[in-house]
């Protein structure tokens, strides 16, 4: 694990690993950091996967996509797109959104492609973050 006082980046966070839904294995990068642009990719993904109201100290933090998961694509895509746009605009001031493209990959499972660039970037390159949006169910064992 890296000592936080030796990290040379202004923007960084610990890497977040999500377990593989099929094998339930967690990625082996405990203690590593996501820095600079990687931190922004991770922040966007975390924000979109955080249901609104699930953070006790910040009930408005997150993205309100859950009401759209079981709807038809015609209803869900515009609602999810707006929810993503609102969440990133409000909660991630380090990025400027260029476009949000939501598509249905299979029934009730959507994918979002978020085109953005850092607000304090020297470059004008538009970056892309892809997030799979699907309902996850906890199975009691």
Protein backbone atom coordinates (compact mmCIF):
# COMPACT_ATOMS: atom_id res chain seq x y z
CA UNK A 1 0.00 0.00 0.00
CA UNK A 2 1.31 3.43 -0.95
CA UNK A 3 1.83 6.06 1.73
CA UNK A 4 -0.69 8.84 1.02
CA UNK A 5 1.91 11.52 1.78
CA UNK A 6 4.06 10.35 -1.14
CA UNK A 7 1.32 10.48 -3.82
CA UNK A 8 2.33 13.20 -6.32
CA UNK A 9 -1.18 13.83 -7.68
CA UNK A 10 -3.75 16.42 -6.70
CA UNK A 11 -6.66 14.18 -7.69
CA UNK A 12 -6.50 10.55 -6.61
CA UNK A 13 -8.50 7.89 -4.80
CA UNK A 14 -8.11 4.25 -3.86
CA UNK A 15 -8.99 1.90 -6.70
CA UNK A 16 -12.41 0.40 -6.36
CA UNK A 17 -12.86 -3.20 -7.36
CA UNK A 18 -16.18 -4.72 -8.17
CA UNK A 19 -16.56 -8.46 -7.89
CA UNK A 20 -17.17 -10.33 -11.12
CA UNK A 21 -20.91 -11.12 -11.08
CA UNK A 22 -20.38 -14.68 -12.33
CA UNK A 23 -17.26 -15.83 -10.49
CA UNK A 24 -17.59 -13.37 -7.57
CA UNK A 25 -13.82 -12.82 -7.63
CA UNK A 26 -12.55 -9.40 -6.55
CA UNK A 27 -9.66 -7.79 -8.48
CA UNK A 28 -6.30 -8.12 -6.65
CA UNK A 29 -5.24 -4.47 -6.44
CA UNK A 30 -5.81 -3.68 -2.77
CA UNK A 31 -3.98 -0.49 -1.79
CA UNK A 32 -3.37 0.79 -5.32
CA UNK A 33 -4.49 4.26 -6.35
CA UNK A 34 -6.34 5.69 -9.31
CA UNK A 35 -4.82 9.05 -10.19
CA UNK A 36 -5.39 11.90 -12.62
CA UNK A 37 -7.68 10.85 -15.51
CA UNK A 38 -8.11 7.32 -14.09
CA UNK A 39 -9.48 8.90 -10.92
CA UNK A 40 -12.05 10.82 -12.98
CA UNK A 41 -13.12 7.67 -14.86
CA UNK A 42 -13.55 5.89 -11.52
CA UNK A 43 -15.42 8.84 -9.98
CA UNK A 44 -17.90 8.94 -12.86
CA UNK A 45 -18.47 5.19 -12.69
CA UNK A 46 -18.91 5.27 -8.90
CA UNK A 47 -21.34 8.19 -9.13
CA UNK A 48 -23.51 6.43 -11.69
CA UNK A 49 -23.56 3.18 -9.72
CA UNK A 50 -24.53 4.93 -6.47
CA UNK A 51 -28.32 4.96 -6.04
CA UNK A 52 -29.69 8.31 -4.98
CA UNK A 53 -30.52 8.21 -1.27
CA UNK A 54 -28.04 5.44 -0.43
CA UNK A 55 -25.42 7.71 1.19
CA UNK A 56 -26.73 8.67 4.65
CA UNK A 57 -24.73 11.88 4.95
CA UNK A 58 -25.49 12.98 1.36
CA UNK A 59 -29.00 11.74 0.45
CA UNK A 60 -29.00 13.61 -2.87
CA UNK A 61 -25.64 12.12 -3.97
CA UNK A 62 -25.86 9.54 -6.72
CA UNK A 63 -27.70 8.87 -9.93
CA UNK A 64 -31.42 8.17 -9.98
CA UNK A 65 -31.51 5.44 -12.65
CA UNK A 66 -33.23 2.66 -10.70
CA UNK A 67 -36.80 3.76 -11.63
CA UNK A 68 -35.94 3.19 -15.32
CA UNK A 69 -34.35 -0.26 -15.17
CA UNK A 70 -37.53 -2.31 -15.82
CA UNK A 71 -39.08 0.01 -18.37
CA UNK A 72 -39.05 -0.26 -22.13
CA UNK A 73 -36.10 1.29 -23.93
CA UNK A 74 -38.31 4.05 -25.36
CA UNK A 75 -39.13 5.21 -21.83
CA UNK A 76 -35.88 4.34 -20.08
CA UNK A 77 -33.21 5.75 -22.40
CA UNK A 78 -34.30 9.42 -22.18
CA UNK A 79 -34.81 9.16 -18.39
CA UNK A 80 -31.45 7.46 -17.77
CA UNK A 81 -29.69 9.95 -20.04
CA UNK A 82 -31.17 12.88 -18.10
CA UNK A 83 -30.37 11.29 -14.73
CA UNK A 84 -26.74 10.71 -15.76
CA UNK A 85 -26.40 14.24 -17.14
CA UNK A 86 -27.84 15.75 -13.95
CA UNK A 87 -25.73 13.62 -11.59
CA UNK A 88 -22.43 14.35 -13.32
CA UNK A 89 -23.18 18.05 -13.76
CA UNK A 90 -24.10 18.45 -10.08
CA UNK A 91 -21.66 16.10 -8.35
CA UNK A 92 -18.51 16.00 -10.51
CA UNK A 93 -17.30 19.58 -11.14
CA UNK A 94 -13.92 18.30 -12.39
CA UNK A 95 -15.41 17.27 -15.75
CA UNK A 96 -17.26 18.98 -18.60
CA UNK A 97 -19.82 16.74 -20.26
CA UNK A 98 -19.90 16.60 -24.04
CA UNK A 99 -22.48 13.85 -24.61
CA UNK A 100 -24.25 10.93 -22.92
CA UNK A 101 -25.24 7.96 -25.07
CA UNK A 102 -27.42 5.30 -23.42
CA UNK A 103 -28.33 2.09 -25.23
CA UNK A 104 -30.12 -1.12 -24.34
CA UNK A 105 -27.73 -4.09 -24.52
CA UNK A 106 -30.35 -6.68 -23.58
CA UNK A 107 -33.75 -6.61 -21.94
CA UNK A 108 -33.64 -4.32 -18.86
CA UNK A 109 -29.84 -3.93 -19.13
CA UNK A 110 -28.44 -0.67 -20.40
CA UNK A 111 -24.99 0.70 -21.13
CA UNK A 112 -23.96 4.33 -20.95
CA UNK A 113 -21.17 5.97 -22.89
CA UNK A 114 -20.20 9.27 -21.29
CA UNK A 115 -18.11 11.64 -23.38
CA UNK A 116 -16.33 14.24 -21.25
CA UNK A 117 -13.13 16.19 -20.72
CA UNK A 118 -11.43 17.46 -17.58
CA UNK A 119 -12.22 21.07 -16.72
CA UNK A 120 -8.58 21.95 -16.07
CA UNK A 121 -7.13 20.05 -19.01
CA UNK A 122 -4.31 21.31 -21.15
CA UNK A 123 -5.61 19.09 -23.92
CA UNK A 124 -9.01 19.35 -25.59
CA UNK A 125 -9.35 15.60 -26.12
CA UNK A 126 -12.77 14.19 -25.31
CA UNK A 127 -12.54 11.11 -23.11
CA UNK A 128 -15.00 8.23 -22.88
CA UNK A 129 -16.22 6.34 -19.82
CA UNK A 130 -18.44 3.32 -20.36
CA UNK A 131 -20.66 2.02 -17.56
CA UNK A 132 -22.90 -1.05 -17.63
CA UNK A 133 -26.18 -0.19 -15.92
CA UNK A 134 -28.12 -3.16 -14.65
CA UNK A 135 -29.98 -4.12 -11.55
CA UNK A 136 -28.03 -6.35 -9.21
CA UNK A 137 -29.74 -8.64 -6.79
CA UNK A 138 -28.20 -9.83 -3.56
CA UNK A 139 -28.70 -13.55 -3.12
CA UNK A 140 -28.86 -14.84 0.45
CA UNK A 141 -26.73 -17.92 1.00
